[in-house]
């Protein structure tokens, strides 16, 4: 069972992931990832006819799924006579999240992390490395040594032996 979170305006990334996942799982995602194929002609190959048929089935299903999972008051101003790919592009442009905001949020989470005792030190460091990896995707690169020092400096006093060993 695939559940698509309703687009509320502030959850675009999650909504888009849900739509893409649901359409792929039901094998009707072709119109989300490809442009509309050209019209069929008498010289069209069997492969072209097959792709055309699959795309023509995919498009209305994707459009319906997308439109049904958007709050009514957000639908105004969205294109109505378009393909699923075009609608996704229009919605993406409307709800594009600034990469600067994402970077700021990741940096804030990384540098405000404090070890709380849950999950062990290893899990704590893995979460930091996860933020480092996400920042690299935005071309913000922190050396591994920076992450190690951040992790060590935010551990409580009970882990001072780890700090001493590392510094030695």
N, C-alpha and C. Protein backbone atom coordinates (compact mmCIF):
# COMPACT_ATOMS: atom_id res chain seq x y z
N UNK A 1 0.86 -1.18 0.00
CA UNK A 1 0.00 0.00 0.00
C UNK A 1 0.90 1.23 0.00
N UNK A 2 0.67 2.10 -0.94
CA UNK A 2 1.45 3.32 -1.05
C UNK A 2 0.58 4.49 -0.63
N UNK A 3 1.10 5.31 0.27
CA UNK A 3 0.36 6.48 0.72
C UNK A 3 1.06 7.73 0.22
N UNK A 4 0.29 8.61 -0.38
CA UNK A 4 0.83 9.87 -0.87
C UNK A 4 0.40 10.98 0.09
N UNK A 5 1.38 11.63 0.70
CA UNK A 5 1.08 12.74 1.59
C UNK A 5 0.49 13.89 0.77
N UNK A 6 -0.56 14.50 1.27
CA UNK A 6 -1.22 15.60 0.57
C UNK A 6 -0.30 16.82 0.57
N UNK A 7 -0.17 17.46 -0.58
CA UNK A 7 0.65 18.66 -0.70
C UNK A 7 -0.04 19.82 0.01
N UNK A 8 0.64 20.36 1.02
CA UNK A 8 0.08 21.45 1.81
C UNK A 8 0.76 22.77 1.50
N UNK A 9 1.84 22.72 0.76
CA UNK A 9 2.61 23.92 0.44
C UNK A 9 3.95 23.95 1.15
N UNK A 10 4.02 23.32 2.31
CA UNK A 10 5.28 23.32 3.05
C UNK A 10 5.96 21.95 3.04
N UNK A 11 5.37 20.99 2.37
CA UNK A 11 5.91 19.63 2.36
C UNK A 11 6.19 19.14 0.94
N UNK A 12 6.61 20.04 0.07
CA UNK A 12 6.78 19.69 -1.34
C UNK A 12 7.73 18.52 -1.55
N UNK A 13 8.89 18.55 -0.89
CA UNK A 13 9.87 17.47 -1.12
C UNK A 13 9.28 16.11 -0.80
N UNK A 14 8.60 16.00 0.33
CA UNK A 14 8.00 14.72 0.74
C UNK A 14 6.90 14.32 -0.23
N UNK A 15 6.07 15.29 -0.62
CA UNK A 15 4.98 15.00 -1.56
C UNK A 15 5.55 14.48 -2.88
N UNK A 16 6.57 15.15 -3.39
CA UNK A 16 7.17 14.74 -4.66
C UNK A 16 7.75 13.33 -4.56
N UNK A 17 8.44 13.04 -3.48
CA UNK A 17 8.98 11.69 -3.27
C UNK A 17 7.85 10.66 -3.25
N UNK A 18 6.76 10.98 -2.55
CA UNK A 18 5.63 10.06 -2.47
C UNK A 18 5.01 9.81 -3.84
N UNK A 19 4.82 10.87 -4.62
CA UNK A 19 4.25 10.74 -5.97
C UNK A 19 5.16 9.87 -6.83
N UNK A 20 6.45 10.21 -6.86
CA UNK A 20 7.39 9.45 -7.69
C UNK A 20 7.44 7.99 -7.28
N UNK A 21 7.45 7.73 -5.98
CA UNK A 21 7.50 6.36 -5.49
C UNK A 21 6.22 5.60 -5.86
N UNK A 22 5.07 6.23 -5.62
CA UNK A 22 3.80 5.56 -5.91
C UNK A 22 3.65 5.25 -7.40
N UNK A 23 4.03 6.20 -8.25
CA UNK A 23 3.89 5.98 -9.68
C UNK A 23 4.87 4.91 -10.17
N UNK A 24 6.06 4.89 -9.59
CA UNK A 24 7.03 3.86 -9.99
C UNK A 24 6.59 2.48 -9.50
N UNK A 25 6.07 2.42 -8.28
CA UNK A 25 5.64 1.13 -7.74
C UNK A 25 4.47 0.54 -8.53
N UNK A 26 3.64 1.40 -9.08
CA UNK A 26 2.50 0.92 -9.87
C UNK A 26 2.85 0.85 -11.36
N UNK A 27 4.11 1.13 -11.67
CA UNK A 27 4.64 1.03 -13.03
C UNK A 27 3.91 1.93 -14.02
N UNK A 28 3.58 3.14 -13.57
CA UNK A 28 2.94 4.12 -14.46
C UNK A 28 3.69 5.46 -14.42
N UNK A 29 4.97 5.41 -14.15
CA UNK A 29 5.75 6.65 -13.99
C UNK A 29 6.35 7.19 -15.29
N UNK A 30 6.11 6.54 -16.42
CA UNK A 30 6.75 6.94 -17.67
C UNK A 30 6.48 8.40 -18.01
N UNK A 31 5.24 8.86 -17.83
CA UNK A 31 4.91 10.24 -18.21
C UNK A 31 5.49 11.27 -17.25
N UNK A 32 5.93 10.83 -16.06
CA UNK A 32 6.59 11.74 -15.12
C UNK A 32 8.04 11.99 -15.50
N UNK A 33 8.64 11.04 -16.21
CA UNK A 33 10.07 11.13 -16.48
C UNK A 33 10.42 11.36 -17.94
N UNK A 34 9.43 11.25 -18.82
CA UNK A 34 9.71 11.47 -20.24
C UNK A 34 8.69 12.43 -20.84
N UNK A 35 9.10 13.09 -21.90
CA UNK A 35 8.20 13.97 -22.62
C UNK A 35 7.20 13.12 -23.41
N UNK A 36 6.12 13.75 -23.81
CA UNK A 36 5.10 13.07 -24.60
C UNK A 36 5.72 12.60 -25.92
N UNK A 37 5.52 11.33 -26.25
CA UNK A 37 6.08 10.84 -27.52
C UNK A 37 5.34 11.47 -28.71
N UNK A 38 6.01 11.47 -29.82
CA UNK A 38 5.39 12.01 -31.04
C UNK A 38 4.19 11.18 -31.46
N UNK A 39 3.39 11.76 -32.33
CA UNK A 39 2.22 11.05 -32.84
C UNK A 39 2.66 9.82 -33.64
N UNK A 40 1.83 8.80 -33.59
CA UNK A 40 2.12 7.59 -34.36
C UNK A 40 1.83 7.83 -35.83
N UNK A 41 2.64 7.19 -36.65
CA UNK A 41 2.45 7.27 -38.11
C UNK A 41 2.39 5.86 -38.66
N UNK A 42 2.18 5.76 -39.94
CA UNK A 42 2.14 4.43 -40.57
C UNK A 42 3.51 3.77 -40.56
N UNK A 43 4.56 4.57 -40.37
CA UNK A 43 5.91 4.01 -40.34
C UNK A 43 6.43 3.78 -38.92
N UNK A 44 5.59 4.00 -37.91
CA UNK A 44 6.01 3.81 -36.52
C UNK A 44 6.34 2.34 -36.28
N UNK A 45 7.41 2.12 -35.54
CA UNK A 45 7.83 0.75 -35.22
C UNK A 45 6.96 0.21 -34.09
N UNK A 46 7.06 -1.09 -33.87
CA UNK A 46 6.31 -1.72 -32.76
C UNK A 46 6.78 -1.15 -31.42
N UNK A 47 8.08 -0.88 -31.28
CA UNK A 47 8.60 -0.29 -30.04
C UNK A 47 8.01 1.09 -29.81
N UNK A 48 7.95 1.90 -30.86
CA UNK A 48 7.37 3.24 -30.74
C UNK A 48 5.89 3.16 -30.38
N UNK A 49 5.17 2.22 -30.96
CA UNK A 49 3.76 2.04 -30.65
C UNK A 49 3.58 1.61 -29.20
N UNK A 50 4.45 0.72 -28.75
CA UNK A 50 4.38 0.23 -27.38
C UNK A 50 4.65 1.35 -26.37
N UNK A 51 5.72 2.12 -26.61
CA UNK A 51 6.05 3.23 -25.71
C UNK A 51 4.92 4.25 -25.71
N UNK A 52 4.37 4.53 -26.87
CA UNK A 52 3.27 5.49 -26.99
C UNK A 52 2.06 5.02 -26.16
N UNK A 53 1.73 3.75 -26.26
CA UNK A 53 0.58 3.21 -25.53
C UNK A 53 0.81 3.27 -24.02
N UNK A 54 2.01 2.90 -23.59
CA UNK A 54 2.33 2.94 -22.16
C UNK A 54 2.29 4.38 -21.65
N UNK A 55 2.85 5.31 -22.41
CA UNK A 55 2.87 6.71 -22.00
C UNK A 55 1.44 7.26 -21.92
N UNK A 56 0.61 6.94 -22.90
CA UNK A 56 -0.77 7.43 -22.93
C UNK A 56 -1.59 6.88 -21.76
N UNK A 57 -1.25 5.70 -21.28
CA UNK A 57 -1.91 5.14 -20.10
C UNK A 57 -1.37 5.82 -18.84
N UNK A 58 -0.08 6.06 -18.81
CA UNK A 58 0.59 6.62 -17.65
C UNK A 58 0.16 8.05 -17.35
N UNK A 59 0.06 8.87 -18.37
CA UNK A 59 -0.17 10.30 -18.16
C UNK A 59 -1.44 10.63 -17.38
N UNK A 60 -2.61 10.12 -17.77
CA UNK A 60 -3.81 10.47 -16.99
C UNK A 60 -3.77 9.95 -15.55
N UNK A 61 -3.15 8.79 -15.36
CA UNK A 61 -3.05 8.24 -14.00
C UNK A 61 -2.17 9.14 -13.14
N UNK A 62 -1.04 9.55 -13.68
CA UNK A 62 -0.14 10.44 -12.93
C UNK A 62 -0.80 11.78 -12.66
N UNK A 63 -1.44 12.35 -13.67
CA UNK A 63 -2.11 13.64 -13.49
C UNK A 63 -3.19 13.55 -12.42
N UNK A 64 -4.00 12.52 -12.47
CA UNK A 64 -5.07 12.34 -11.50
C UNK A 64 -4.50 12.16 -10.08
N UNK A 65 -3.47 11.34 -9.97
CA UNK A 65 -2.85 11.11 -8.66
C UNK A 65 -2.27 12.40 -8.09
N UNK A 66 -1.62 13.17 -8.94
CA UNK A 66 -1.03 14.43 -8.49
C UNK A 66 -2.11 15.41 -8.05
N UNK A 67 -3.12 15.59 -8.89
CA UNK A 67 -4.17 16.57 -8.59
C UNK A 67 -4.99 16.19 -7.37
N UNK A 68 -5.23 14.89 -7.17
CA UNK A 68 -6.01 14.44 -6.03
C UNK A 68 -5.24 14.59 -4.71
N UNK A 69 -3.91 14.73 -4.80
CA UNK A 69 -3.12 14.80 -3.57
C UNK A 69 -2.62 16.23 -3.30
N UNK A 70 -3.32 17.20 -3.84
CA UNK A 70 -2.99 18.61 -3.61
C UNK A 70 -4.22 19.28 -2.99
N UNK A 71 -4.02 20.04 -1.92
CA UNK A 71 -5.14 20.76 -1.32
C UNK A 71 -5.79 21.66 -2.37
N UNK A 72 -7.12 21.73 -2.34
CA UNK A 72 -7.87 22.47 -3.36
C UNK A 72 -7.41 23.91 -3.53
N UNK A 73 -7.17 24.60 -2.43
CA UNK A 73 -6.81 26.02 -2.56
C UNK A 73 -5.41 26.22 -3.16
N UNK A 74 -4.61 25.17 -3.26
CA UNK A 74 -3.29 25.28 -3.88
C UNK A 74 -3.32 25.01 -5.38
N UNK A 75 -4.42 24.50 -5.87
CA UNK A 75 -4.51 24.13 -7.28
C UNK A 75 -4.68 25.32 -8.21
N UNK A 76 -5.11 26.45 -7.67
CA UNK A 76 -5.32 27.62 -8.53
C UNK A 76 -3.99 28.07 -9.13
N UNK A 77 -4.04 28.42 -10.38
CA UNK A 77 -2.84 28.88 -11.07
C UNK A 77 -1.97 27.76 -11.62
N UNK A 78 -2.33 26.53 -11.33
CA UNK A 78 -1.56 25.41 -11.89
C UNK A 78 -2.09 25.10 -13.28
N UNK A 79 -1.21 24.70 -14.18
CA UNK A 79 -1.67 24.38 -15.54
C UNK A 79 -2.66 23.22 -15.52
N UNK A 80 -3.64 23.29 -16.40
CA UNK A 80 -4.66 22.23 -16.46
C UNK A 80 -4.52 21.38 -17.72
N UNK A 81 -4.03 21.97 -18.80
CA UNK A 81 -3.90 21.23 -20.05
C UNK A 81 -2.41 20.96 -20.29
N UNK A 82 -1.90 19.94 -19.60
CA UNK A 82 -0.47 19.66 -19.69
C UNK A 82 -0.22 18.18 -19.42
N UNK A 83 1.03 17.79 -19.55
CA UNK A 83 1.42 16.42 -19.24
C UNK A 83 1.79 16.34 -17.76
N UNK A 84 1.92 15.13 -17.27
CA UNK A 84 2.31 14.93 -15.87
C UNK A 84 3.69 15.53 -15.61
N UNK A 85 4.60 15.36 -16.54
CA UNK A 85 5.94 15.91 -16.38
C UNK A 85 5.89 17.43 -16.33
N UNK A 86 5.09 18.04 -17.18
CA UNK A 86 4.96 19.50 -17.19
C UNK A 86 4.32 20.01 -15.90
N UNK A 87 3.33 19.28 -15.40
CA UNK A 87 2.69 19.69 -14.14
C UNK A 87 3.68 19.59 -12.99
N UNK A 88 4.46 18.51 -12.95
CA UNK A 88 5.46 18.36 -11.88
C UNK A 88 6.48 19.48 -11.95
N UNK A 89 6.89 19.87 -13.16
CA UNK A 89 7.85 20.97 -13.32
C UNK A 89 7.24 22.27 -12.81
N UNK A 90 5.98 22.52 -13.14
CA UNK A 90 5.31 23.75 -12.69
C UNK A 90 5.19 23.78 -11.17
N UNK A 91 4.82 22.66 -10.58
CA UNK A 91 4.70 22.59 -9.12
C UNK A 91 6.07 22.74 -8.48
N UNK A 92 7.09 22.11 -9.07
CA UNK A 92 8.46 22.21 -8.54
C UNK A 92 8.93 23.66 -8.53
N UNK A 93 8.64 24.39 -9.59
CA UNK A 93 9.05 25.79 -9.66
C UNK A 93 8.29 26.62 -8.63
N UNK A 94 7.05 26.29 -8.41
CA UNK A 94 6.23 27.04 -7.45
C UNK A 94 6.70 26.83 -6.02
N UNK A 95 7.12 25.62 -5.70
CA UNK A 95 7.50 25.29 -4.32
C UNK A 95 8.98 25.01 -4.15
N UNK A 96 9.77 25.52 -5.08
CA UNK A 96 11.22 25.31 -5.00
C UNK A 96 11.73 25.88 -3.68
N UNK A 97 12.46 25.04 -2.96
CA UNK A 97 13.05 25.46 -1.69
C UNK A 97 14.45 25.96 -2.00
N UNK A 98 14.78 27.09 -1.46
CA UNK A 98 16.09 27.67 -1.68
C UNK A 98 17.17 26.75 -1.13
N UNK A 99 18.18 26.49 -1.94
CA UNK A 99 19.28 25.65 -1.47
C UNK A 99 20.00 26.33 -0.31
N UNK A 100 20.01 27.67 -0.30
CA UNK A 100 20.63 28.38 0.82
C UNK A 100 19.90 28.08 2.13
N UNK A 101 18.59 27.98 2.07
CA UNK A 101 17.82 27.65 3.27
C UNK A 101 18.14 26.23 3.72
N UNK A 102 18.26 25.31 2.76
CA UNK A 102 18.61 23.93 3.10
C UNK A 102 20.00 23.87 3.73
N UNK A 103 20.94 24.59 3.16
CA UNK A 103 22.31 24.61 3.69
C UNK A 103 22.31 25.16 5.11
N UNK A 104 21.62 26.27 5.30
CA UNK A 104 21.55 26.87 6.63
C UNK A 104 20.95 25.93 7.66
N UNK A 105 19.90 25.24 7.26
CA UNK A 105 19.25 24.30 8.17
C UNK A 105 20.18 23.14 8.52
N UNK A 106 20.87 22.60 7.52
CA UNK A 106 21.80 21.49 7.79
C UNK A 106 22.96 21.93 8.67
N UNK A 107 23.51 23.11 8.40
CA UNK A 107 24.61 23.62 9.22
C UNK A 107 24.15 23.82 10.66
N UNK A 108 22.97 24.38 10.82
CA UNK A 108 22.45 24.61 12.16
C UNK A 108 22.30 23.29 12.91
N UNK A 109 21.73 22.29 12.25
CA UNK A 109 21.57 20.98 12.89
C UNK A 109 22.91 20.36 13.24
N UNK A 110 23.86 20.45 12.30
CA UNK A 110 25.18 19.86 12.53
C UNK A 110 25.89 20.50 13.72
N UNK A 111 25.91 21.82 13.75
CA UNK A 111 26.69 22.50 14.78
C UNK A 111 25.95 22.69 16.10
N UNK A 112 24.67 22.36 16.12
CA UNK A 112 23.92 22.42 17.38
C UNK A 112 23.68 21.04 17.98
N UNK A 113 24.23 20.01 17.35
CA UNK A 113 24.05 18.66 17.86
C UNK A 113 24.76 18.50 19.19
N UNK A 114 24.11 17.81 20.09
CA UNK A 114 24.69 17.45 21.39
C UNK A 114 24.42 15.98 21.61
N UNK A 115 25.40 15.30 22.13
CA UNK A 115 25.23 13.87 22.40
C UNK A 115 24.26 13.72 23.57
N UNK A 116 23.19 12.95 23.35
CA UNK A 116 22.17 12.80 24.38
C UNK A 116 22.16 11.41 25.03
N UNK A 117 23.10 10.57 24.65
CA UNK A 117 23.20 9.24 25.26
C UNK A 117 22.38 8.18 24.54
N UNK A 118 21.52 8.59 23.65
CA UNK A 118 20.70 7.62 22.93
C UNK A 118 21.43 7.10 21.70
N UNK A 119 21.47 5.79 21.54
CA UNK A 119 22.02 5.19 20.33
C UNK A 119 23.52 5.00 20.32
N UNK A 120 24.24 5.49 21.29
CA UNK A 120 25.68 5.31 21.35
C UNK A 120 26.43 6.35 20.54
N UNK A 121 27.70 6.46 20.83
CA UNK A 121 28.57 7.44 20.19
C UNK A 121 28.67 7.17 18.69
N UNK A 122 28.73 5.92 18.33
CA UNK A 122 28.84 5.56 16.91
C UNK A 122 27.67 6.14 16.10
N UNK A 123 26.45 5.96 16.60
CA UNK A 123 25.26 6.49 15.91
C UNK A 123 25.30 8.01 15.85
N UNK A 124 25.80 8.63 16.91
CA UNK A 124 25.91 10.08 16.97
C UNK A 124 26.84 10.59 15.85
N UNK A 125 27.98 9.94 15.71
CA UNK A 125 28.94 10.33 14.68
C UNK A 125 28.36 10.04 13.29
N UNK A 126 27.66 8.95 13.15
CA UNK A 126 27.04 8.62 11.86
C UNK A 126 26.04 9.69 11.45
N UNK A 127 25.27 10.23 12.40
CA UNK A 127 24.34 11.31 12.09
C UNK A 127 25.09 12.55 11.61
N UNK A 128 26.22 12.83 12.24
CA UNK A 128 27.04 13.98 11.82
C UNK A 128 27.56 13.77 10.41
N UNK A 129 28.03 12.58 10.13
CA UNK A 129 28.55 12.26 8.79
C UNK A 129 27.41 12.35 7.76
N UNK A 130 26.21 11.98 8.16
CA UNK A 130 25.05 12.11 7.26
C UNK A 130 24.83 13.58 6.91
N UNK A 131 24.89 14.47 7.88
CA UNK A 131 24.76 15.91 7.59
C UNK A 131 25.90 16.38 6.69
N UNK A 132 27.11 15.89 6.95
CA UNK A 132 28.27 16.25 6.12
C UNK A 132 28.02 15.82 4.68
N UNK A 133 27.50 14.63 4.47
CA UNK A 133 27.22 14.12 3.13
C UNK A 133 26.15 14.96 2.44
N UNK A 134 25.10 15.32 3.18
CA UNK A 134 24.05 16.17 2.60
C UNK A 134 24.60 17.54 2.22
N UNK A 135 25.50 18.07 3.02
CA UNK A 135 26.10 19.36 2.70
C UNK A 135 27.00 19.26 1.47
N UNK A 136 27.68 18.14 1.30
CA UNK A 136 28.51 17.94 0.11
C UNK A 136 27.67 18.01 -1.16
N UNK A 137 26.44 17.55 -1.09
CA UNK A 137 25.55 17.61 -2.25
C UNK A 137 25.28 19.05 -2.67
N UNK A 138 25.40 19.98 -1.71
CA UNK A 138 25.23 21.41 -1.99
C UNK A 138 26.58 22.10 -2.21
N UNK A 139 27.62 21.28 -2.38
CA UNK A 139 28.98 21.79 -2.61
C UNK A 139 29.52 22.57 -1.41
N UNK A 140 29.10 22.16 -0.21
CA UNK A 140 29.64 22.69 1.03
C UNK A 140 30.43 21.54 1.64
N UNK A 141 31.74 21.64 1.57
CA UNK A 141 32.58 20.52 1.94
C UNK A 141 33.30 20.79 3.27
N UNK A 142 33.04 19.93 4.23
CA UNK A 142 33.76 19.97 5.50
C UNK A 142 34.70 18.77 5.52
N UNK A 143 35.98 19.00 5.83
CA UNK A 143 36.90 17.86 5.93
C UNK A 143 36.46 16.92 7.05
N UNK A 144 36.82 15.67 6.91
CA UNK A 144 36.49 14.68 7.93
C UNK A 144 37.02 15.10 9.30
N UNK A 145 38.19 15.70 9.32
CA UNK A 145 38.77 16.12 10.61
C UNK A 145 37.88 17.15 11.30
N UNK A 146 37.23 17.99 10.54
CA UNK A 146 36.31 18.98 11.11
C UNK A 146 35.14 18.28 11.80
N UNK A 147 34.61 17.26 11.15
CA UNK A 147 33.49 16.52 11.72
C UNK A 147 33.93 15.75 12.96
N UNK A 148 35.12 15.16 12.91
CA UNK A 148 35.64 14.44 14.07
C UNK A 148 35.79 15.39 15.25
N UNK A 149 36.39 16.55 15.03
CA UNK A 149 36.57 17.52 16.12
C UNK A 149 35.22 18.01 16.64
N UNK A 150 34.27 18.24 15.75
CA UNK A 150 32.93 18.66 16.19
C UNK A 150 32.31 17.58 17.07
N UNK A 151 32.44 16.33 16.66
CA UNK A 151 31.88 15.23 17.45
C UNK A 151 32.56 15.15 18.81
N UNK A 152 33.88 15.20 18.83
CA UNK A 152 34.61 15.10 20.10
C UNK A 152 34.30 16.27 21.02
N UNK A 153 34.19 17.46 20.45
CA UNK A 153 33.95 18.65 21.28
C UNK A 153 32.53 18.72 21.84
N UNK A 154 31.64 17.94 21.31
CA UNK A 154 30.26 17.98 21.80
C UNK A 154 29.91 16.77 22.67
N UNK A 155 30.88 15.90 22.88
CA UNK A 155 30.65 14.77 23.78
C UNK A 155 30.75 15.23 25.23
N UNK A 156 29.98 14.63 26.13
CA UNK A 156 30.06 15.01 27.55
C UNK A 156 31.39 14.57 28.17
N UNK A 157 31.66 15.06 29.38
CA UNK A 157 32.92 14.79 30.07
C UNK A 157 33.20 13.30 30.26
N UNK A 158 32.17 12.50 30.37
CA UNK A 158 32.38 11.06 30.59
C UNK A 158 33.12 10.39 29.44
N UNK A 159 33.23 11.07 28.29
CA UNK A 159 33.95 10.53 27.15
C UNK A 159 35.32 11.21 26.97
N UNK A 160 35.83 11.80 28.01
CA UNK A 160 37.11 12.52 27.90
C UNK A 160 38.26 11.59 27.51
N UNK A 161 38.17 10.32 27.86
CA UNK A 161 39.24 9.37 27.49
C UNK A 161 39.31 9.24 25.97
N UNK A 162 38.18 9.28 25.28
CA UNK A 162 38.17 9.21 23.82
C UNK A 162 38.87 10.42 23.25
N UNK A 163 38.57 11.60 23.80
CA UNK A 163 39.21 12.84 23.34
C UNK A 163 40.71 12.77 23.55
N UNK A 164 41.11 12.30 24.71
CA UNK A 164 42.54 12.21 25.03
C UNK A 164 43.24 11.25 24.09
N UNK A 165 42.64 10.10 23.84
CA UNK A 165 43.22 9.11 22.95
C UNK A 165 43.36 9.68 21.53
N UNK A 166 42.33 10.36 21.06
CA UNK A 166 42.36 10.93 19.72
C UNK A 166 43.47 11.99 19.62
N UNK A 167 43.55 12.85 20.59
CA UNK A 167 44.53 13.92 20.55
C UNK A 167 45.97 13.41 20.72
N UNK A 168 46.11 12.24 21.32
CA UNK A 168 47.44 11.67 21.47
C UNK A 168 47.88 11.08 20.15
